[in-house]
Structures are given as structure tokens and as C-alpha cells.
Amino acid sequence: MGLFTVDEAREALAEMLPTLDEIVVVRGQAAELAADLADAGGPTPHGGLPELKGMHARLDELMTDVQQSGAELKGFAPLLVDFPSEIDGVAVLLCWLEGDRELAWYHREDLGFAGRRPLA
């Protein structure tokens, strides 16, 4: 996929927020179940290895959905999603971080997250 305008990226983000929210929930459940399984050495009241594998499969599906939108999934914990764009002829990434409810940040491609600035 090509470059996103700010409006296109905001629309794409709005459509994918339910997916991103589900990633956060399933990621937490999988981490907790994995820790419980390690402590217990076997199945727990929350499930066992089959349930954990199912959670990992669901996470793979959800992350694939995000990437198929043309956005770039840059981080998993916390979630970080970038939308390739251009501002004033400069290649940038419109940047969404877990916890944000809208797209309000960007950074130059060559600077990464450290160069994150608010969108005008």
C-alpha cells in the first residue's frame, strides 16, 4: 500500500481500534496464562497449553489484519502502529501508541520514535 494522508490514516485507525483493543486484551490473557502455566507446571483453572496456543494464533490473526491495512506494526508491548505518509515533501510516519484514542503524532522516518511530534 502507498502513503496515507492524515485523514486516511485517521479513518484507518478508527476502523482498526477494535482490533488493537482486542490485541491488548488477548496479549494480557496470554501473558498471564503463560506465567500461570510456568508456575503450576501444567494446566490451571484458566486453561492449559491448548488455550495458550489458541491465544497466540488469535494474536497472529489480529496482527496480520493490522499489517494488511498498509499500516506498520512497530511494537507489540506497548502497541505501536505507524502509517507511512509525507508532510511538506518529507517522508514521515503518522504514529499511534497504545493508549491513544486518535492519531495525533508523527515523526520523520529517519528519526524514529525519539523524533515524535504532535500533528498540527
PDB file of N, CA and C in Angstrom:
ATOM      1  N   MET A   1       0.848  -1.180   0.000  1.00  0.00           N
ATOM      2  CA  MET A   1       0.000   0.000   0.000  1.00  0.00           C
ATOM      3  C   MET A   1       0.893   1.242   0.000  1.00  0.00           C
ATOM      4  N   GLY A   2       0.381   2.331  -0.502  1.00  0.00           N
ATOM      5  CA  GLY A   2       1.151   3.554  -0.618  1.00  0.00           C
ATOM      6  C   GLY A   2       1.096   4.401   0.631  1.00  0.00           C
ATOM      7  N   LEU A   3       1.215   5.685   0.408  1.00  0.00           N
ATOM      8  CA  LEU A   3       1.214   6.637   1.516  1.00  0.00           C
ATOM      9  C   LEU A   3      -0.213   6.960   1.946  1.00  0.00           C
ATOM     10  N   PHE A   4      -0.360   7.269   3.211  1.00  0.00           N
ATOM     11  CA  PHE A   4      -1.641   7.690   3.773  1.00  0.00           C
ATOM     12  C   PHE A   4      -1.638   9.207   3.909  1.00  0.00           C
ATOM     13  N   THR A   5      -2.765   9.841   3.621  1.00  0.00           N
ATOM     14  CA  THR A   5      -2.944  11.215   4.065  1.00  0.00           C
ATOM     15  C   THR A   5      -3.282  11.143   5.549  1.00  0.00           C
ATOM     16  N   VAL A   6      -3.239  12.270   6.241  1.00  0.00           N
ATOM     17  CA  VAL A   6      -3.598  12.279   7.657  1.00  0.00           C
ATOM     18  C   VAL A   6      -5.038  11.806   7.826  1.00  0.00           C
ATOM     19  N   ASP A   7      -5.942  12.298   6.985  1.00  0.00           N
ATOM     20  CA  ASP A   7      -7.352  11.891   7.086  1.00  0.00           C
ATOM     21  C   ASP A   7      -7.527  10.397   6.824  1.00  0.00           C
ATOM     22  N   GLU A   8      -6.836   9.866   5.821  1.00  0.00           N
ATOM     23  CA  GLU A   8      -6.930   8.430   5.527  1.00  0.00           C
ATOM     24  C   GLU A   8      -6.397   7.591   6.689  1.00  0.00           C
ATOM     25  N   ALA A   9      -5.292   8.032   7.273  1.00  0.00           N
ATOM     26  CA  ALA A   9      -4.712   7.299   8.403  1.00  0.00           C
ATOM     27  C   ALA A   9      -5.644   7.346   9.612  1.00  0.00           C
ATOM     28  N   ARG A  10      -6.253   8.491   9.841  1.00  0.00           N
ATOM     29  CA  ARG A  10      -7.194   8.594  10.970  1.00  0.00           C
ATOM     30  C   ARG A  10      -8.402   7.683  10.749  1.00  0.00           C
ATOM     31  N   GLU A  11      -8.883   7.615   9.509  1.00  0.00           N
ATOM     32  CA  GLU A  11     -10.011   6.734   9.196  1.00  0.00           C
ATOM     33  C   GLU A  11      -9.611   5.264   9.367  1.00  0.00           C
ATOM     34  N   ALA A  12      -8.430   4.904   8.874  1.00  0.00           N
ATOM     35  CA  ALA A  12      -7.945   3.525   9.016  1.00  0.00           C
ATOM     36  C   ALA A  12      -7.777   3.165  10.494  1.00  0.00           C
ATOM     37  N   LEU A  13      -7.245   4.087  11.284  1.00  0.00           N
ATOM     38  CA  LEU A  13      -7.078   3.833  12.711  1.00  0.00           C
ATOM     39  C   LEU A  13      -8.421   3.630  13.388  1.00  0.00           C
ATOM     40  N   ALA A  14      -9.390   4.471  13.063  1.00  0.00           N
ATOM     41  CA  ALA A  14     -10.721   4.337  13.662  1.00  0.00           C
ATOM     42  C   ALA A  14     -11.304   2.952  13.368  1.00  0.00           C
ATOM     43  N   GLU A  15     -11.077   2.455  12.158  1.00  0.00           N
ATOM     44  CA  GLU A  15     -11.579   1.131  11.793  1.00  0.00           C
ATOM     45  C   GLU A  15     -10.834   0.017  12.508  1.00  0.00           C
ATOM     46  N   MET A  16      -9.541   0.233  12.798  1.00  0.00           N
ATOM     47  CA  MET A  16      -8.766  -0.843  13.413  1.00  0.00           C
ATOM     48  C   MET A  16      -8.706  -0.775  14.940  1.00  0.00           C
ATOM     49  N   LEU A  17      -9.255   0.274  15.562  1.00  0.00           N
ATOM     50  CA  LEU A  17      -9.217   0.351  17.029  1.00  0.00           C
ATOM     51  C   LEU A  17      -9.807  -0.880  17.723  1.00  0.00           C
ATOM     52  N   PRO A  18     -10.930  -1.437  17.250  1.00  0.00           N
ATOM     53  CA  PRO A  18     -11.418  -2.663  17.901  1.00  0.00           C
ATOM     54  C   PRO A  18     -10.405  -3.805  17.827  1.00  0.00           C
ATOM     55  N   THR A  19      -9.697  -3.917  16.709  1.00  0.00           N
ATOM     56  CA  THR A  19      -8.661  -4.951  16.566  1.00  0.00           C
ATOM     57  C   THR A  19      -7.520  -4.685  17.518  1.00  0.00           C
ATOM     58  N   LEU A  20      -7.079  -3.434  17.602  1.00  0.00           N
ATOM     59  CA  LEU A  20      -5.986  -3.075  18.514  1.00  0.00           C
ATOM     60  C   LEU A  20      -6.386  -3.312  19.960  1.00  0.00           C
ATOM     61  N   ASP A  21      -7.620  -2.968  20.302  1.00  0.00           N
ATOM     62  CA  ASP A  21      -8.107  -3.219  21.664  1.00  0.00           C
ATOM     63  C   ASP A  21      -8.112  -4.715  21.971  1.00  0.00           C
ATOM     64  N   GLU A  22      -8.509  -5.532  20.993  1.00  0.00           N
ATOM     65  CA  GLU A  22      -8.514  -6.984  21.212  1.00  0.00           C
ATOM     66  C   GLU A  22      -7.095  -7.519  21.378  1.00  0.00           C
ATOM     67  N   ILE A  23      -6.143  -6.979  20.622  1.00  0.00           N
ATOM     68  CA  ILE A  23      -4.748  -7.401  20.782  1.00  0.00           C
ATOM     69  C   ILE A  23      -4.298  -7.168  22.220  1.00  0.00           C
ATOM     70  N   VAL A  24      -4.624  -6.006  22.779  1.00  0.00           N
ATOM     71  CA  VAL A  24      -4.220  -5.686  24.153  1.00  0.00           C
ATOM     72  C   VAL A  24      -4.816  -6.694  25.135  1.00  0.00           C
ATOM     73  N   VAL A  25      -6.092  -7.021  24.967  1.00  0.00           N
ATOM     74  CA  VAL A  25      -6.764  -7.959  25.872  1.00  0.00           C
ATOM     75  C   VAL A  25      -6.158  -9.357  25.758  1.00  0.00           C
ATOM     76  N   VAL A  26      -6.042  -9.863  24.529  1.00  0.00           N
ATOM     77  CA  VAL A  26      -5.536 -11.228  24.328  1.00  0.00           C
ATOM     78  C   VAL A  26      -4.070 -11.313  24.734  1.00  0.00           C
ATOM     79  N   ARG A  27      -3.291 -10.274  24.448  1.00  0.00           N
ATOM     80  CA  ARG A  27      -1.883 -10.247  24.846  1.00  0.00           C
ATOM     81  C   ARG A  27      -1.763 -10.399  26.360  1.00  0.00           C
ATOM     82  N   GLY A  28      -2.595  -9.685  27.118  1.00  0.00           N
ATOM     83  CA  GLY A  28      -2.568  -9.766  28.574  1.00  0.00           C
ATOM     84  C   GLY A  28      -2.995 -11.137  29.080  1.00  0.00           C
ATOM     85  N   GLN A  29      -4.044 -11.680  28.476  1.00  0.00           N
ATOM     86  CA  GLN A  29      -4.513 -13.010  28.878  1.00  0.00           C
ATOM     87  C   GLN A  29      -3.447 -14.065  28.606  1.00  0.00           C
ATOM     88  N   ALA A  30      -2.798 -13.973  27.460  1.00  0.00           N
ATOM     89  CA  ALA A  30      -1.765 -14.952  27.099  1.00  0.00           C
ATOM     90  C   ALA A  30      -0.566 -14.849  28.035  1.00  0.00           C
ATOM     91  N   ALA A  31      -0.173 -13.629  28.380  1.00  0.00           N
ATOM     92  CA  ALA A  31       0.961 -13.453  29.291  1.00  0.00           C
ATOM     93  C   ALA A  31       0.642 -14.041  30.660  1.00  0.00           C
ATOM     94  N   GLU A  32      -0.572 -13.791  31.128  1.00  0.00           N
ATOM     95  CA  GLU A  32      -0.980 -14.306  32.439  1.00  0.00           C
ATOM     96  C   GLU A  32      -1.061 -15.825  32.427  1.00  0.00           C
ATOM     97  N   LEU A  33      -1.647 -16.407  31.383  1.00  0.00           N
ATOM     98  CA  LEU A  33      -1.752 -17.860  31.304  1.00  0.00           C
ATOM     99  C   LEU A  33      -0.369 -18.494  31.200  1.00  0.00           C
ATOM    100  N   ALA A  34       0.518 -17.900  30.410  1.00  0.00           N
ATOM    101  CA  ALA A  34       1.881 -18.443  30.284  1.00  0.00           C
ATOM    102  C   ALA A  34       2.589 -18.444  31.636  1.00  0.00           C
ATOM    103  N   ALA A  35       2.434 -17.360  32.398  1.00  0.00           N
ATOM    104  CA  ALA A  35       3.056 -17.297  33.728  1.00  0.00           C
ATOM    105  C   ALA A  35       2.446 -18.336  34.657  1.00  0.00           C
ATOM    106  N   ASP A  36       1.128 -18.492  34.618  1.00  0.00           N
ATOM    107  CA  ASP A  36       0.455 -19.486  35.457  1.00  0.00           C
ATOM    108  C   ASP A  36       0.912 -20.897  35.106  1.00  0.00           C
ATOM    109  N   LEU A  37       1.041 -21.168  33.814  1.00  0.00           N
ATOM    110  CA  LEU A  37       1.489 -22.499  33.385  1.00  0.00           C
ATOM    111  C   LEU A  37       2.920 -22.764  33.836  1.00  0.00           C
ATOM    112  N   ALA A  38       3.760 -21.748  33.771  1.00  0.00           N
ATOM    113  CA  ALA A  38       5.144 -21.917  34.208  1.00  0.00           C
ATOM    114  C   ALA A  38       5.204 -22.201  35.711  1.00  0.00           C
ATOM    115  N   ASP A  39       4.378 -21.492  36.483  1.00  0.00           N
ATOM    116  CA  ASP A  39       4.359 -21.693  37.938  1.00  0.00           C
ATOM    117  C   ASP A  39       3.759 -23.042  38.318  1.00  0.00           C
ATOM    118  N   ALA A  40       2.669 -23.419  37.649  1.00  0.00           N
ATOM    119  CA  ALA A  40       1.941 -24.636  38.020  1.00  0.00           C
ATOM    120  C   ALA A  40       2.550 -25.886  37.384  1.00  0.00           C
ATOM    121  N   GLY A  41       3.269 -25.715  36.278  1.00  0.00           N
ATOM    122  CA  GLY A  41       3.842 -26.855  35.596  1.00  0.00           C
ATOM    123  C   GLY A  41       2.834 -27.661  34.805  1.00  0.00           C
ATOM    124  N   GLY A  42       1.636 -27.191  34.694  1.00  0.00           N
ATOM    125  CA  GLY A  42       0.597 -27.892  33.946  1.00  0.00           C
ATOM    126  C   GLY A  42      -0.648 -27.050  33.884  1.00  0.00           C
ATOM    127  N   PRO A  43      -1.750 -27.628  33.419  1.00  0.00           N
ATOM    128  CA  PRO A  43      -2.994 -26.866  33.272  1.00  0.00           C
ATOM    129  C   PRO A  43      -3.415 -26.167  34.565  1.00  0.00           C
ATOM    130  N   THR A  44      -4.053 -25.031  34.388  1.00  0.00           N
ATOM    131  CA  THR A  44      -4.529 -24.219  35.502  1.00  0.00           C
ATOM    132  C   THR A  44      -6.039 -24.045  35.351  1.00  0.00           C
ATOM    133  N   PRO A  45      -6.700 -23.435  36.323  1.00  0.00           N
ATOM    134  CA  PRO A  45      -8.138 -23.171  36.153  1.00  0.00           C
ATOM    135  C   PRO A  45      -8.438 -22.285  34.930  1.00  0.00           C
ATOM    136  N   HIS A  46      -7.440 -21.538  34.443  1.00  0.00           N
ATOM    137  CA  HIS A  46      -7.621 -20.660  33.278  1.00  0.00           C
ATOM    138  C   HIS A  46      -7.319 -21.360  31.968  1.00  0.00           C
ATOM    139  N   GLY A  47      -6.834 -22.589  32.032  1.00  0.00           N
ATOM    140  CA  GLY A  47      -6.551 -23.331  30.811  1.00  0.00           C
ATOM    141  C   GLY A  47      -5.158 -23.920  30.835  1.00  0.00           C
ATOM    142  N   GLY A  48      -4.819 -24.474  29.695  1.00  0.00           N
ATOM    143  CA  GLY A  48      -3.519 -25.108  29.553  1.00  0.00           C
ATOM    144  C   GLY A  48      -2.863 -24.689  28.260  1.00  0.00           C
ATOM    145  N   LEU A  49      -1.950 -25.528  27.802  1.00  0.00           N
ATOM    146  CA  LEU A  49      -1.200 -25.235  26.585  1.00  0.00           C
ATOM    147  C   LEU A  49      -2.097 -25.063  25.357  1.00  0.00           C
ATOM    148  N   PRO A  50      -3.160 -25.853  25.192  1.00  0.00           N
ATOM    149  CA  PRO A  50      -4.022 -25.628  24.019  1.00  0.00           C
ATOM    150  C   PRO A  50      -4.653 -24.230  24.001  1.00  0.00           C
ATOM    151  N   GLU A  51      -5.074 -23.762  25.166  1.00  0.00           N
ATOM    152  CA  GLU A  51      -5.670 -22.414  25.231  1.00  0.00           C
ATOM    153  C   GLU A  51      -4.619 -21.344  24.930  1.00  0.00           C
ATOM    154  N   LEU A  52      -3.406 -21.547  25.433  1.00  0.00           N
ATOM    155  CA  LEU A  52      -2.332 -20.592  25.175  1.00  0.00           C
ATOM    156  C   LEU A  52      -2.002 -20.556  23.683  1.00  0.00           C
ATOM    157  N   LYS A  53      -1.923 -21.720  23.062  1.00  0.00           N
ATOM    158  CA  LYS A  53      -1.661 -21.763  21.620  1.00  0.00           C
ATOM    159  C   LYS A  53      -2.782 -21.079  20.838  1.00  0.00           C
ATOM    160  N   GLY A  54      -4.025 -21.256  21.297  1.00  0.00           N
ATOM    161  CA  GLY A  54      -5.146 -20.581  20.656  1.00  0.00           C
ATOM    162  C   GLY A  54      -5.028 -19.065  20.763  1.00  0.00           C
ATOM    163  N   MET A  55      -4.585 -18.594  21.928  1.00  0.00           N
ATOM    164  CA  MET A  55      -4.399 -17.148  22.109  1.00  0.00           C
ATOM    165  C   MET A  55      -3.300 -16.630  21.184  1.00  0.00           C
ATOM    166  N   HIS A  56      -2.219 -17.375  21.057  1.00  0.00           N
ATOM    167  CA  HIS A  56      -1.129 -16.951  20.167  1.00  0.00           C
ATOM    168  C   HIS A  56      -1.601 -16.928  18.715  1.00  0.00           C
ATOM    169  N   ALA A  57      -2.410 -17.925  18.330  1.00  0.00           N
ATOM    170  CA  ALA A  57      -2.941 -17.946  16.962  1.00  0.00           C
ATOM    171  C   ALA A  57      -3.839 -16.735  16.723  1.00  0.00           C
ATOM    172  N   ARG A  58      -4.655 -16.391  17.707  1.00  0.00           N
ATOM    173  CA  ARG A  58      -5.538 -15.225  17.566  1.00  0.00           C
ATOM    174  C   ARG A  58      -4.718 -13.944  17.452  1.00  0.00           C
ATOM    175  N   LEU A  59      -3.664 -13.828  18.239  1.00  0.00           N
ATOM    176  CA  LEU A  59      -2.790 -12.655  18.145  1.00  0.00           C
ATOM    177  C   LEU A  59      -2.179 -12.552  16.752  1.00  0.00           C
ATOM    178  N   ASP A  60      -1.743 -13.675  16.198  1.00  0.00           N
ATOM    179  CA  ASP A  60      -1.179 -13.663  14.841  1.00  0.00           C
ATOM    180  C   ASP A  60      -2.215 -13.158  13.831  1.00  0.00           C
ATOM    181  N   GLU A  61      -3.458 -13.626  13.949  1.00  0.00           N
ATOM    182  CA  GLU A  61      -4.527 -13.180  13.040  1.00  0.00           C
ATOM    183  C   GLU A  61      -4.754 -11.673  13.161  1.00  0.00           C
ATOM    184  N   LEU A  62      -4.840 -11.196  14.390  1.00  0.00           N
ATOM    185  CA  LEU A  62      -5.106  -9.773  14.614  1.00  0.00           C
ATOM    186  C   LEU A  62      -3.969  -8.902  14.089  1.00  0.00           C
ATOM    187  N   MET A  63      -2.732  -9.322  14.328  1.00  0.00           N
ATOM    188  CA  MET A  63      -1.588  -8.539  13.857  1.00  0.00           C
ATOM    189  C   MET A  63      -1.520  -8.542  12.328  1.00  0.00           C
ATOM    190  N   THR A  64      -1.886  -9.660  11.711  1.00  0.00           N
ATOM    191  CA  THR A  64      -1.933  -9.720  10.251  1.00  0.00           C
ATOM    192  C   THR A  64      -2.981  -8.747   9.718  1.00  0.00           C
ATOM    193  N   ASP A  65      -4.129  -8.662  10.383  1.00  0.00           N
ATOM    194  CA  ASP A  65      -5.165  -7.708   9.975  1.00  0.00           C
ATOM    195  C   ASP A  65      -4.631  -6.285   9.987  1.00  0.00           C
ATOM    196  N   VAL A  66      -3.890  -5.928  11.018  1.00  0.00           N
ATOM    197  CA  VAL A  66      -3.319  -4.576  11.109  1.00  0.00           C
ATOM    198  C   VAL A  66      -2.362  -4.342   9.947  1.00  0.00           C
ATOM    199  N   GLN A  67      -1.475  -5.276   9.709  1.00  0.00           N
ATOM    200  CA  GLN A  67      -0.465  -5.099   8.667  1.00  0.00           C
ATOM    201  C   GLN A  67      -1.072  -5.084   7.268  1.00  0.00           C
ATOM    202  N   GLN A  68      -2.173  -5.808   7.057  1.00  0.00           N
ATOM    203  CA  GLN A  68      -2.806  -5.813   5.739  1.00  0.00           C
ATOM    204  C   GLN A  68      -3.487  -4.486   5.410  1.00  0.00           C
ATOM    205  N   SER A  69      -3.675  -3.641   6.409  1.00  0.00           N
ATOM    206  CA  SER A  69      -4.273  -2.325   6.175  1.00  0.00           C
ATOM    207  C   SER A  69      -3.291  -1.373   5.510  1.00  0.00           C
ATOM    208  N   GLY A  70      -2.006  -1.744   5.471  1.00  0.00           N
ATOM    209  CA  GLY A  70      -0.969  -0.856   4.964  1.00  0.00           C
ATOM    210  C   GLY A  70      -0.222  -0.156   6.068  1.00  0.00           C
ATOM    211  N   ALA A  71      -0.740  -0.263   7.294  1.00  0.00           N
ATOM    212  CA  ALA A  71      -0.039   0.296   8.451  1.00  0.00           C
ATOM    213  C   ALA A  71       1.114  -0.628   8.819  1.00  0.00           C
ATOM    214  N   GLU A  72       2.054  -0.096   9.577  1.00  0.00           N
ATOM    215  CA  GLU A  72       3.214  -0.865  10.015  1.00  0.00           C
ATOM    216  C   GLU A  72       3.113  -1.084  11.517  1.00  0.00           C
ATOM    217  N   LEU A  73       3.093  -2.338  11.937  1.00  0.00           N
ATOM    218  CA  LEU A  73       3.061  -2.678  13.353  1.00  0.00           C
ATOM    219  C   LEU A  73       4.509  -2.676  13.832  1.00  0.00           C
ATOM    220  N   LYS A  74       4.875  -1.675  14.637  1.00  0.00           N
ATOM    221  CA  LYS A  74       6.264  -1.487  15.040  1.00  0.00           C
ATOM    222  C   LYS A  74       6.557  -1.980  16.444  1.00  0.00           C
ATOM    223  N   GLY A  75       5.528  -2.113  17.270  1.00  0.00           N
ATOM    224  CA  GLY A  75       5.746  -2.580  18.632  1.00  0.00           C
ATOM    225  C   GLY A  75       4.580  -3.422  19.086  1.00  0.00           C
ATOM    226  N   PHE A  76       4.854  -4.353  19.995  1.00  0.00           N
ATOM    227  CA  PHE A  76       3.825  -5.275  20.470  1.00  0.00           C
ATOM    228  C   PHE A  76       3.425  -4.981  21.910  1.00  0.00           C
ATOM    229  N   ALA A  77       4.355  -4.554  22.728  1.00  0.00           N
ATOM    230  CA  ALA A  77       4.057  -4.246  24.133  1.00  0.00           C
ATOM    231  C   ALA A  77       4.955  -3.089  24.564  1.00  0.00           C
ATOM    232  N   PRO A  78       4.492  -1.883  24.454  1.00  0.00           N
ATOM    233  CA  PRO A  78       3.158  -1.449  24.035  1.00  0.00           C
ATOM    234  C   PRO A  78       3.013  -1.499  22.512  1.00  0.00           C
ATOM    235  N   LEU A  79       1.765  -1.528  22.077  1.00  0.00           N
ATOM    236  CA  LEU A  79       1.476  -1.498  20.645  1.00  0.00           C
ATOM    237  C   LEU A  79       1.908  -0.156  20.069  1.00  0.00           C
ATOM    238  N   LEU A  80       2.537  -0.226  18.920  1.00  0.00           N
ATOM    239  CA  LEU A  80       2.956   0.973  18.209  1.00  0.00           C
ATOM    240  C   LEU A  80       2.660   0.734  16.732  1.00  0.00           C
ATOM    241  N   VAL A  81       1.842   1.604  16.139  1.00  0.00           N
ATOM    242  CA  VAL A  81       1.445   1.465  14.743  1.00  0.00           C
ATOM    243  C   VAL A  81       1.804   2.754  14.013  1.00  0.00           C
ATOM    244  N   ASP A  82       2.485   2.604  12.878  1.00  0.00           N
ATOM    245  CA  ASP A  82       2.861   3.742  12.045  1.00  0.00           C
ATOM    246  C   ASP A  82       2.162   3.660  10.695  1.00  0.00           C
ATOM    247  N   PHE A  83       1.786   4.823  10.179  1.00  0.00           N
ATOM    248  CA  PHE A  83       1.172   4.954   8.861  1.00  0.00           C
ATOM    249  C   PHE A  83       2.121   5.782   7.995  1.00  0.00           C
ATOM    250  N   PRO A  84       2.715   5.188   6.949  1.00  0.00           N
ATOM    251  CA  PRO A  84       3.615   5.950   6.078  1.00  0.00           C
ATOM    252  C   PRO A  84       2.881   7.136   5.455  1.00  0.00           C
ATOM    253  N   SER A  85       3.547   8.286   5.460  1.00  0.00           N
ATOM    254  CA  SER A  85       2.933   9.496   4.928  1.00  0.00           C
ATOM    255  C   SER A  85       4.025  10.444   4.468  1.00  0.00           C
ATOM    256  N   GLU A  86       3.602  11.638   4.131  1.00  0.00           N
ATOM    257  CA  GLU A  86       4.516  12.688   3.713  1.00  0.00           C
ATOM    258  C   GLU A  86       3.950  14.021   4.191  1.00  0.00           C
ATOM    259  N   ILE A  87       4.800  14.827   4.793  1.00  0.00           N
ATOM    260  CA  ILE A  87       4.401  16.169   5.219  1.00  0.00           C
ATOM    261  C   ILE A  87       5.414  17.151   4.651  1.00  0.00           C
ATOM    262  N   ASP A  88       4.930  18.102   3.873  1.00  0.00           N
ATOM    263  CA  ASP A  88       5.783  19.111   3.242  1.00  0.00           C
ATOM    264  C   ASP A  88       6.949  18.482   2.486  1.00  0.00           C
ATOM    265  N   GLY A  89       6.669  17.366   1.784  1.00  0.00           N
ATOM    266  CA  GLY A  89       7.689  16.716   0.980  1.00  0.00           C
ATOM    267  C   GLY A  89       8.669  15.848   1.748  1.00  0.00           C
ATOM    268  N   VAL A  90       8.454  15.698   3.037  1.00  0.00           N
ATOM    269  CA  VAL A  90       9.351  14.896   3.881  1.00  0.00           C
ATOM    270  C   VAL A  90       8.648  13.590   4.248  1.00  0.00           C
ATOM    271  N   ALA A  91       9.353  12.470   4.101  1.00  0.00           N
ATOM    272  CA  ALA A  91       8.801  11.163   4.467  1.00  0.00           C
ATOM    273  C   ALA A  91       8.654  11.090   5.985  1.00  0.00           C
ATOM    274  N   VAL A  92       7.429  10.809   6.427  1.00  0.00           N
ATOM    275  CA  VAL A  92       7.141  10.716   7.856  1.00  0.00           C
ATOM    276  C   VAL A  92       6.315   9.466   8.123  1.00  0.00           C
ATOM    277  N   LEU A  93       6.195   9.149   9.383  1.00  0.00           N
ATOM    278  CA  LEU A  93       5.308   8.091   9.840  1.00  0.00           C
ATOM    279  C   LEU A  93       4.324   8.716  10.814  1.00  0.00           C
ATOM    280  N   LEU A  94       3.038   8.612  10.496  1.00  0.00           N
ATOM    281  CA  LEU A  94       1.996   9.055  11.410  1.00  0.00           C
ATOM    282  C   LEU A  94       1.917   7.972  12.478  1.00  0.00           C
ATOM    283  N   CYS A  95       2.033   8.361  13.724  1.00  0.00           N
ATOM    284  CA  CYS A  95       2.378   7.431  14.790  1.00  0.00           C
ATOM    285  C   CYS A  95       1.266   7.307  15.830  1.00  0.00           C
ATOM    286  N   TRP A  96       0.817   6.073  16.071  1.00  0.00           N
ATOM    287  CA  TRP A  96      -0.175   5.775  17.098  1.00  0.00           C
ATOM    288  C   TRP A  96       0.470   4.871  18.138  1.00  0.00           C
ATOM    289  N   LEU A  97       0.283   5.203  19.407  1.00  0.00           N
ATOM    290  CA  LEU A  97       0.823   4.427  20.519  1.00  0.00           C
ATOM    291  C   LEU A  97      -0.323   3.929  21.379  1.00  0.00           C
ATOM    292  N   GLU A  98      -0.214   2.688  21.839  1.00  0.00           N
ATOM    293  CA  GLU A  98      -1.231   2.100  22.711  1.00  0.00           C
ATOM    294  C   GLU A  98      -1.642   3.098  23.788  1.00  0.00           C
ATOM    295  N   GLY A  99      -2.936   3.242  23.967  1.00  0.00           N
ATOM    296  CA  GLY A  99      -3.481   4.198  24.925  1.00  0.00           C
ATOM    297  C   GLY A  99      -4.044   5.432  24.251  1.00  0.00           C
ATOM    298  N   ASP A 100      -3.506   5.776  23.075  1.00  0.00           N
ATOM    299  CA  ASP A 100      -4.056   6.889  22.304  1.00  0.00           C
ATOM    300  C   ASP A 100      -5.406   6.459  21.742  1.00  0.00           C
ATOM    301  N   ARG A 101      -6.349   7.367  21.665  1.00  0.00           N
ATOM    302  CA  ARG A 101      -7.639   7.048  21.047  1.00  0.00           C
ATOM    303  C   ARG A 101      -7.779   7.713  19.684  1.00  0.00           C
ATOM    304  N   GLU A 102      -6.769   8.492  19.292  1.00  0.00           N
ATOM    305  CA  GLU A 102      -6.779   9.112  17.967  1.00  0.00           C
ATOM    306  C   GLU A 102      -5.352   9.230  17.474  1.00  0.00           C
ATOM    307  N   LEU A 103      -5.210   9.553  16.227  1.00  0.00           N
ATOM    308  CA  LEU A 103      -3.905   9.727  15.609  1.00  0.00           C
ATOM    309  C   LEU A 103      -3.518  11.193  15.722  1.00  0.00           C
ATOM    310  N   ALA A 104      -2.538  11.495  16.547  1.00  0.00           N
ATOM    311  CA  ALA A 104      -2.193  12.893  16.806  1.00  0.00           C
ATOM    312  C   ALA A 104      -0.690  13.161  16.766  1.00  0.00           C
ATOM    313  N   TRP A 105       0.114  12.171  16.353  1.00  0.00           N
ATOM    314  CA  TRP A 105       1.573  12.313  16.390  1.00  0.00           C
ATOM    315  C   TRP A 105       2.189  11.838  15.080  1.00  0.00           C
ATOM    316  N   TYR A 106       3.388  12.313  14.816  1.00  0.00           N
ATOM    317  CA  TYR A 106       4.163  11.847  13.673  1.00  0.00           C
ATOM    318  C   TYR A 106       5.638  11.979  14.000  1.00  0.00           C
ATOM    319  N   HIS A 107       6.465  11.328  13.190  1.00  0.00           N
ATOM    320  CA  HIS A 107       7.913  11.522  13.270  1.00  0.00           C
ATOM    321  C   HIS A 107       8.506  11.271  11.894  1.00  0.00           C
ATOM    322  N   ARG A 108       9.625  11.922  11.636  1.00  0.00           N
ATOM    323  CA  ARG A 108      10.326  11.677  10.380  1.00  0.00           C
ATOM    324  C   ARG A 108      10.762  10.214  10.352  1.00  0.00           C
ATOM    325  N   GLU A 109      10.766   9.632   9.170  1.00  0.00           N
ATOM    326  CA  GLU A 109      11.165   8.227   9.035  1.00  0.00           C
ATOM    327  C   GLU A 109      12.564   7.990   9.579  1.00  0.00           C
ATOM    328  N   ASP A 110      13.469   8.934   9.364  1.00  0.00           N
ATOM    329  CA  ASP A 110      14.862   8.737   9.761  1.00  0.00           C
ATOM    330  C   ASP A 110      15.110   8.967  11.249  1.00  0.00           C
ATOM    331  N   LEU A 111      14.142   9.498  11.977  1.00  0.00           N
ATOM    332  CA  LEU A 111      14.339   9.782  13.393  1.00  0.00           C
ATOM    333  C   LEU A 111      13.716   8.744  14.316  1.00  0.00           C
ATOM    334  N   GLY A 112      12.680   8.077  13.851  1.00  0.00           N
ATOM    335  CA  GLY A 112      12.018   7.104  14.708  1.00  0.00           C
ATOM    336  C   GLY A 112      11.258   7.767  15.844  1.00  0.00           C
ATOM    337  N   PHE A 113      10.886   6.940  16.815  1.00  0.00           N
ATOM    338  CA  PHE A 113      10.018   7.374  17.896  1.00  0.00           C
ATOM    339  C   PHE A 113      10.592   8.557  18.679  1.00  0.00           C
ATOM    340  N   ALA A 114      11.906   8.638  18.788  1.00  0.00           N
ATOM    341  CA  ALA A 114      12.534   9.733  19.536  1.00  0.00           C
ATOM    342  C   ALA A 114      12.204  11.103  18.932  1.00  0.00           C
ATOM    343  N   GLY A 115      11.886  11.133  17.639  1.00  0.00           N
ATOM    344  CA  GLY A 115      11.558  12.388  16.975  1.00  0.00           C
ATOM    345  C   GLY A 115      10.060  12.675  16.927  1.00  0.00           C
ATOM    346  N   ARG A 116       9.287  12.003  17.752  1.00  0.00           N
ATOM    347  CA  ARG A 116       7.824  12.109  17.725  1.00  0.00           C
ATOM    348  C   ARG A 116       7.379  13.533  18.062  1.00  0.00           C
ATOM    349  N   ARG A 117       6.478  14.076  17.239  1.00  0.00           N
ATOM    350  CA  ARG A 117       5.961  15.440  17.406  1.00  0.00           C
ATOM    351  C   ARG A 117       4.458  15.431  17.196  1.00  0.00           C
ATOM    352  N   PRO A 118       3.740  16.374  17.805  1.00  0.00           N
ATOM    353  CA  PRO A 118       2.289  16.448  17.580  1.00  0.00           C
ATOM    354  C   PRO A 118       1.971  16.916  16.163  1.00  0.00           C
ATOM    355  N   LEU A 119       0.917  16.351  15.590  1.00  0.00           N
ATOM    356  CA  LEU A 119       0.435  16.827  14.290  1.00  0.00           C
ATOM    357  C   LEU A 119      -0.182  18.204  14.491  1.00  0.00           C
ATOM    358  N   ALA A 120      -0.015  19.058  13.492  1.00  0.00           N
ATOM    359  CA  ALA A 120      -0.584  20.417  13.570  1.00  0.00           C
ATOM    360  C   ALA A 120      -2.089  20.367  13.498  1.00  0.00           C
TER     361      ALA A 120
END
